Amino acid sequence: MDGRIVVHGDSGTVHRLPAEGEEDDSDPQVAATLGQFVTMLQNYVLGRCLLPMASSRTEREDVRDEIEDSLTAIDEDGGASRALDVCPL
């Protein structure tokens, strides 16, 4: 994933800046706060570590769904952000 993750100084929101040559994202917010971003990152990494242990396609899909659900539960707007689409499960 290219692009940079930045924290907006006044609001504290976390955004993903587009990489060079990439179209601007109209909804770059990834998380409302730095704390929520770190929690989302931890859940994402843990879920990705579980994927290789899944024994079937159905189980892998369940793990992916759980990752997506956990990100949305942590930060509803950030979990639904198009900024996360650039890093598909």
Protein backbone atom coordinates (compact mmCIF):
# COMPACT_ATOMS: atom_id res chain seq x y z
CA MET A 1 0.00 0.00 0.00
CA ASP A 2 1.45 3.31 -1.06
CA GLY A 3 0.48 6.67 0.30
CA ARG A 4 1.07 8.14 3.71
CA ILE A 5 -0.88 8.00 6.93
CA VAL A 6 -1.06 11.40 8.61
CA VAL A 7 -2.70 12.86 11.71
CA HIS A 8 -4.56 16.12 11.23
CA GLY A 9 -3.13 18.54 13.78
CA ASP A 10 -6.31 20.39 14.76
CA SER A 11 -8.84 17.56 14.81
CA GLY A 12 -6.61 14.54 15.52
CA THR A 13 -8.23 12.52 12.76
CA VAL A 14 -6.10 10.01 10.86
CA HIS A 15 -6.06 10.23 7.05
CA ARG A 16 -4.43 8.38 4.18
CA LEU A 17 -2.85 10.62 1.57
CA PRO A 18 -2.87 9.27 -1.98
CA ALA A 19 0.40 8.02 -3.44
CA GLU A 20 2.05 9.85 -6.30
CA GLY A 21 0.04 9.34 -9.49
CA GLU A 22 -2.96 7.98 -7.58
CA GLU A 23 -6.35 9.65 -7.82
CA ASP A 24 -7.34 11.81 -4.87
CA ASP A 25 -9.62 10.01 -2.46
CA SER A 26 -12.71 12.03 -1.63
CA ASP A 27 -12.99 10.24 1.75
CA PRO A 28 -9.44 9.79 3.05
CA GLN A 29 -10.30 9.56 6.76
CA VAL A 30 -9.14 6.26 8.25
CA ALA A 31 -9.97 6.88 11.93
CA ALA A 32 -11.38 9.60 14.14
CA THR A 33 -8.42 9.48 16.54
CA LEU A 34 -4.90 8.12 16.67
CA GLY A 35 -5.94 5.71 19.44
CA GLN A 36 -8.72 4.28 17.29
CA PHE A 37 -6.32 3.92 14.36
CA VAL A 38 -3.82 1.96 16.48
CA THR A 39 -6.61 -0.30 17.76
CA MET A 40 -7.86 -0.85 14.20
CA LEU A 41 -4.32 -1.65 13.05
CA GLN A 42 -3.86 -4.19 15.86
CA ASN A 43 -7.14 -5.92 14.98
CA TYR A 44 -6.26 -5.95 11.29
CA VAL A 45 -2.82 -7.45 11.86
CA LEU A 46 -4.16 -10.08 14.27
CA GLY A 47 -6.88 -11.06 11.80
CA ARG A 48 -4.39 -11.29 8.94
CA CYS A 49 -2.21 -13.58 11.09
CA LEU A 50 -5.20 -15.88 11.60
CA LEU A 51 -5.93 -16.24 7.87
CA PRO A 52 -3.16 -18.78 7.12
CA MET A 53 -4.51 -21.03 9.87
CA ALA A 54 -7.99 -21.18 8.32
CA SER A 55 -8.65 -24.68 7.05
CA SER A 56 -11.26 -23.86 4.42
CA ARG A 57 -12.44 -21.10 2.13
CA THR A 58 -15.50 -20.59 4.34
CA GLU A 59 -13.32 -20.16 7.40
CA ARG A 60 -11.11 -17.63 5.58
CA GLU A 61 -14.20 -15.67 4.55
CA ASP A 62 -15.43 -15.74 8.15
CA VAL A 63 -12.08 -14.35 9.36
CA ARG A 64 -12.21 -11.60 6.72
CA ASP A 65 -15.76 -10.72 7.75
CA GLU A 66 -14.70 -10.62 11.40
CA ILE A 67 -11.84 -8.24 10.54
CA GLU A 68 -14.18 -5.91 8.68
CA ASP A 69 -16.75 -6.03 11.48
CA SER A 70 -14.14 -5.29 14.14
CA LEU A 71 -12.80 -2.28 12.21
CA THR A 72 -16.30 -0.86 11.85
CA ALA A 73 -17.05 -1.50 15.54
CA ILE A 74 -13.93 0.44 16.56
CA ASP A 75 -14.62 3.40 14.27
CA GLU A 76 -17.79 3.27 12.19
CA ASP A 77 -16.85 6.04 9.78
CA GLY A 78 -13.22 4.94 9.48
CA GLY A 79 -14.20 1.28 9.03
CA ALA A 80 -16.45 2.25 6.13
CA SER A 81 -13.91 4.61 4.59
CA ARG A 82 -12.78 4.12 1.02
CA ALA A 83 -9.26 4.67 2.33
CA LEU A 84 -9.34 1.09 3.65
CA ASP A 85 -10.35 -0.27 0.24
CA VAL A 86 -6.82 0.21 -1.01
CA CYS A 87 -5.68 -2.49 1.37
CA PRO A 88 -8.04 -5.38 0.56
CA LEU A 89 -8.34 -8.37 2.80
